[in-house]
């Protein structure tokens, strides 16, 4: 397992296989690259990855937010590890990287949302020091 690295725009495609596990509605690598590079990166989205044997097996996308409620925070949009590589510390190392980056940027907190059915992810987040602090609501327009 390699240390997590930040992926630049020319490397976005490397995270597609892992991200597709979490975001299966994005069916093609070109669509993924376009959404990340053309829409999300201009909004501050950054992408990091953990590799094993030369392939990206875990990835996280995050951005810095400035909010009235929380001040400056890093918000994790996406965090996923391929099923075949779970339990090997990839997500832990990505979260450590994001925590260090948050400290470097002067952010007081790290935030993320997780779907109610992702129990294994919830156990990971709790073991990493996260706690359930809000309810997140949404609705169709």
C-alpha atoms as a PDB file:
ATOM      1  CA  UNK A   1       0.000   0.000   0.000  1.00  0.00           C
ATOM      2  CA  UNK A   2       1.354   3.390  -1.006  1.00  0.00           C
ATOM      3  CA  UNK A   3       0.855   6.639   0.886  1.00  0.00           C
ATOM      4  CA  UNK A   4      -2.184   8.599  -0.331  1.00  0.00           C
ATOM      5  CA  UNK A   5      -1.478  11.064  -3.100  1.00  0.00           C
ATOM      6  CA  UNK A   6      -3.457  13.937  -4.536  1.00  0.00           C
ATOM      7  CA  UNK A   7      -4.580  13.358  -8.124  1.00  0.00           C
ATOM      8  CA  UNK A   8      -4.369  16.252 -10.549  1.00  0.00           C
ATOM      9  CA  UNK A   9      -6.782  16.847 -13.431  1.00  0.00           C
ATOM     10  CA  UNK A  10      -4.738  14.651 -15.773  1.00  0.00           C
ATOM     11  CA  UNK A  11      -4.995  11.791 -13.249  1.00  0.00           C
ATOM     12  CA  UNK A  12      -8.716  12.007 -12.408  1.00  0.00           C
ATOM     13  CA  UNK A  13      -9.468   8.934 -14.525  1.00  0.00           C
ATOM     14  CA  UNK A  14      -7.349   6.793 -12.189  1.00  0.00           C
ATOM     15  CA  UNK A  15     -10.007   7.065  -9.460  1.00  0.00           C
ATOM     16  CA  UNK A  16     -12.932   6.014 -11.660  1.00  0.00           C
ATOM     17  CA  UNK A  17     -13.025   2.288 -10.820  1.00  0.00           C
ATOM     18  CA  UNK A  18     -13.128   2.982  -7.084  1.00  0.00           C
ATOM     19  CA  UNK A  19     -15.568   5.899  -7.336  1.00  0.00           C
ATOM     20  CA  UNK A  20     -17.929   3.895  -9.531  1.00  0.00           C
ATOM     21  CA  UNK A  21     -18.544   1.577  -6.544  1.00  0.00           C
ATOM     22  CA  UNK A  22     -19.926   4.546  -4.619  1.00  0.00           C
ATOM     23  CA  UNK A  23     -21.444   6.403  -7.587  1.00  0.00           C
ATOM     24  CA  UNK A  24     -22.710   3.682  -9.974  1.00  0.00           C
ATOM     25  CA  UNK A  25     -24.929   6.162 -11.822  1.00  0.00           C
ATOM     26  CA  UNK A  26     -21.747   7.518 -13.428  1.00  0.00           C
ATOM     27  CA  UNK A  27     -21.244   4.801 -16.005  1.00  0.00           C
ATOM     28  CA  UNK A  28     -18.302   5.988 -18.100  1.00  0.00           C
ATOM     29  CA  UNK A  29     -14.839   7.208 -17.231  1.00  0.00           C
ATOM     30  CA  UNK A  30     -15.221  10.187 -19.605  1.00  0.00           C
ATOM     31  CA  UNK A  31     -18.372  11.288 -17.787  1.00  0.00           C
ATOM     32  CA  UNK A  32     -16.607  10.964 -14.423  1.00  0.00           C
ATOM     33  CA  UNK A  33     -13.587  12.965 -15.585  1.00  0.00           C
ATOM     34  CA  UNK A  34     -15.783  15.691 -17.082  1.00  0.00           C
ATOM     35  CA  UNK A  35     -17.913  16.023 -13.946  1.00  0.00           C
ATOM     36  CA  UNK A  36     -14.893  16.178 -11.650  1.00  0.00           C
ATOM     37  CA  UNK A  37     -12.628  18.354 -13.782  1.00  0.00           C
ATOM     38  CA  UNK A  38     -15.171  20.677 -15.403  1.00  0.00           C
ATOM     39  CA  UNK A  39     -17.724  21.127 -12.613  1.00  0.00           C
ATOM     40  CA  UNK A  40     -16.338  20.074  -9.256  1.00  0.00           C
ATOM     41  CA  UNK A  41     -12.668  21.102  -9.355  1.00  0.00           C
ATOM     42  CA  UNK A  42     -13.609  24.732 -10.172  1.00  0.00           C
ATOM     43  CA  UNK A  43     -15.696  24.640  -6.964  1.00  0.00           C
ATOM     44  CA  UNK A  44     -12.655  23.530  -4.959  1.00  0.00           C
ATOM     45  CA  UNK A  45     -13.083  19.743  -5.144  1.00  0.00           C
ATOM     46  CA  UNK A  46      -9.852  17.820  -4.634  1.00  0.00           C
ATOM     47  CA  UNK A  47      -9.226  14.136  -5.189  1.00  0.00           C
ATOM     48  CA  UNK A  48      -6.834  11.856  -3.317  1.00  0.00           C
ATOM     49  CA  UNK A  49      -6.161   8.173  -3.793  1.00  0.00           C
ATOM     50  CA  UNK A  50      -4.544   5.156  -2.197  1.00  0.00           C
ATOM     51  CA  UNK A  51      -3.001   2.506  -4.416  1.00  0.00           C
ATOM     52  CA  UNK A  52      -2.047  -1.136  -4.170  1.00  0.00           C
ATOM     53  CA  UNK A  53       0.099  -2.873  -6.772  1.00  0.00           C
ATOM     54  CA  UNK A  54      -0.043   0.211  -8.983  1.00  0.00           C
ATOM     55  CA  UNK A  55      -3.834   0.545  -9.100  1.00  0.00           C
ATOM     56  CA  UNK A  56      -6.049   3.036  -7.270  1.00  0.00           C
ATOM     57  CA  UNK A  57      -8.109   0.995  -4.815  1.00  0.00           C
ATOM     58  CA  UNK A  58      -9.427   3.754  -2.579  1.00  0.00           C
ATOM     59  CA  UNK A  59     -10.298   7.380  -3.286  1.00  0.00           C
ATOM     60  CA  UNK A  60     -11.697  10.415  -1.547  1.00  0.00           C
ATOM     61  CA  UNK A  61     -13.030  13.672  -2.895  1.00  0.00           C
ATOM     62  CA  UNK A  62     -13.317  16.683  -0.627  1.00  0.00           C
ATOM     63  CA  UNK A  63     -13.548  20.462  -0.613  1.00  0.00           C
ATOM     64  CA  UNK A  64     -13.005  23.345   1.756  1.00  0.00           C
ATOM     65  CA  UNK A  65     -16.165  25.121   2.889  1.00  0.00           C
ATOM     66  CA  UNK A  66     -16.664  28.376   4.737  1.00  0.00           C
ATOM     67  CA  UNK A  67     -19.921  28.242   6.709  1.00  0.00           C
ATOM     68  CA  UNK A  68     -21.655  30.356   9.312  1.00  0.00           C
ATOM     69  CA  UNK A  69     -22.519  27.232  11.304  1.00  0.00           C
ATOM     70  CA  UNK A  70     -19.102  25.570  11.418  1.00  0.00           C
ATOM     71  CA  UNK A  71     -16.585  28.125  10.178  1.00  0.00           C
ATOM     72  CA  UNK A  72     -13.872  26.749   7.884  1.00  0.00           C
ATOM     73  CA  UNK A  73     -14.223  23.003   7.407  1.00  0.00           C
ATOM     74  CA  UNK A  74     -13.210  20.301   4.994  1.00  0.00           C
ATOM     75  CA  UNK A  75     -16.215  18.457   3.621  1.00  0.00           C
ATOM     76  CA  UNK A  76     -15.741  14.928   2.301  1.00  0.00           C
ATOM     77  CA  UNK A  77     -18.029  14.389  -0.693  1.00  0.00           C
ATOM     78  CA  UNK A  78     -16.847  10.892  -1.549  1.00  0.00           C
ATOM     79  CA  UNK A  79     -14.872   8.180   0.225  1.00  0.00           C
ATOM     80  CA  UNK A  80     -14.697   4.639  -1.101  1.00  0.00           C
ATOM     81  CA  UNK A  81     -12.500   1.561  -1.162  1.00  0.00           C
ATOM     82  CA  UNK A  82     -12.875  -1.318  -3.578  1.00  0.00           C
ATOM     83  CA  UNK A  83     -14.525  -4.273  -1.829  1.00  0.00           C
ATOM     84  CA  UNK A  84     -11.469  -6.448  -2.460  1.00  0.00           C
ATOM     85  CA  UNK A  85      -9.246  -4.025  -0.518  1.00  0.00           C
ATOM     86  CA  UNK A  86     -11.474  -3.104   2.428  1.00  0.00           C
ATOM     87  CA  UNK A  87     -10.147  -3.706   5.913  1.00  0.00           C
ATOM     88  CA  UNK A  88      -6.561  -3.048   4.831  1.00  0.00           C
ATOM     89  CA  UNK A  89      -6.283   0.520   6.093  1.00  0.00           C
ATOM     90  CA  UNK A  90      -6.794   2.447   2.849  1.00  0.00           C
ATOM     91  CA  UNK A  91      -9.734   4.539   4.066  1.00  0.00           C
ATOM     92  CA  UNK A  92      -7.989   5.151   7.392  1.00  0.00           C
ATOM     93  CA  UNK A  93      -4.953   6.535   5.578  1.00  0.00           C
ATOM     94  CA  UNK A  94      -7.093   8.730   3.334  1.00  0.00           C
ATOM     95  CA  UNK A  95      -8.888  10.115   6.385  1.00  0.00           C
ATOM     96  CA  UNK A  96      -5.550  10.775   8.105  1.00  0.00           C
ATOM     97  CA  UNK A  97      -4.370  12.652   5.002  1.00  0.00           C
ATOM     98  CA  UNK A  98      -7.551  14.754   4.941  1.00  0.00           C
ATOM     99  CA  UNK A  99      -7.275  15.474   8.677  1.00  0.00           C
ATOM    100  CA  UNK A 100      -3.679  16.663   8.245  1.00  0.00           C
ATOM    101  CA  UNK A 101      -4.711  18.818   5.280  1.00  0.00           C
ATOM    102  CA  UNK A 102      -7.559  20.305   7.311  1.00  0.00           C
ATOM    103  CA  UNK A 103      -5.141  21.233  10.071  1.00  0.00           C
ATOM    104  CA  UNK A 104      -2.706  22.706   7.535  1.00  0.00           C
ATOM    105  CA  UNK A 105      -5.495  24.865   6.096  1.00  0.00           C
ATOM    106  CA  UNK A 106      -6.689  25.991   9.542  1.00  0.00           C
ATOM    107  CA  UNK A 107      -9.997  24.123   9.376  1.00  0.00           C
ATOM    108  CA  UNK A 108     -11.496  23.311  12.752  1.00  0.00           C
ATOM    109  CA  UNK A 109     -13.594  20.353  11.595  1.00  0.00           C
ATOM    110  CA  UNK A 110     -14.038  17.639   8.977  1.00  0.00           C
ATOM    111  CA  UNK A 111     -17.603  16.881   7.832  1.00  0.00           C
ATOM    112  CA  UNK A 112     -19.226  14.202   5.695  1.00  0.00           C
ATOM    113  CA  UNK A 113     -22.634  12.696   5.011  1.00  0.00           C
ATOM    114  CA  UNK A 114     -23.252   8.967   4.751  1.00  0.00           C
ATOM    115  CA  UNK A 115     -26.318   7.109   3.535  1.00  0.00           C
ATOM    116  CA  UNK A 116     -28.296   5.434   6.345  1.00  0.00           C
ATOM    117  CA  UNK A 117     -27.727   1.916   4.968  1.00  0.00           C
ATOM    118  CA  UNK A 118     -23.897   2.139   4.913  1.00  0.00           C
ATOM    119  CA  UNK A 119     -23.365   0.534   8.322  1.00  0.00           C
ATOM    120  CA  UNK A 120     -19.779  -0.565   7.681  1.00  0.00           C
ATOM    121  CA  UNK A 121     -18.863   2.990   6.706  1.00  0.00           C
ATOM    122  CA  UNK A 122     -20.534   4.303   9.861  1.00  0.00           C
ATOM    123  CA  UNK A 123     -18.430   1.948  11.989  1.00  0.00           C
ATOM    124  CA  UNK A 124     -15.305   3.203  10.230  1.00  0.00           C
ATOM    125  CA  UNK A 125     -16.222   6.858  10.771  1.00  0.00           C
ATOM    126  CA  UNK A 126     -17.019   6.305  14.439  1.00  0.00           C
ATOM    127  CA  UNK A 127     -13.720   4.459  14.942  1.00  0.00           C
ATOM    128  CA  UNK A 128     -11.955   7.421  13.291  1.00  0.00           C
ATOM    129  CA  UNK A 129     -13.422   9.861  15.831  1.00  0.00           C
ATOM    130  CA  UNK A 130     -16.411  11.147  13.860  1.00  0.00           C
ATOM    131  CA  UNK A 131     -19.769  11.484  15.580  1.00  0.00           C
ATOM    132  CA  UNK A 132     -23.301  11.981  14.345  1.00  0.00           C
ATOM    133  CA  UNK A 133     -23.858  15.714  14.735  1.00  0.00           C
ATOM    134  CA  UNK A 134     -26.784  16.553  12.430  1.00  0.00           C
ATOM    135  CA  UNK A 135     -29.616  15.152  10.391  1.00  0.00           C
ATOM    136  CA  UNK A 136     -29.301  15.836   6.670  1.00  0.00           C
ATOM    137  CA  UNK A 137     -32.533  16.487   4.776  1.00  0.00           C
ATOM    138  CA  UNK A 138     -33.144  16.523   1.047  1.00  0.00           C
ATOM    139  CA  UNK A 139     -36.026  16.519  -1.422  1.00  0.00           C
ATOM    140  CA  UNK A 140     -36.611  16.466  -5.135  1.00  0.00           C
ATOM    141  CA  UNK A 141     -37.171  19.799  -6.901  1.00  0.00           C
END
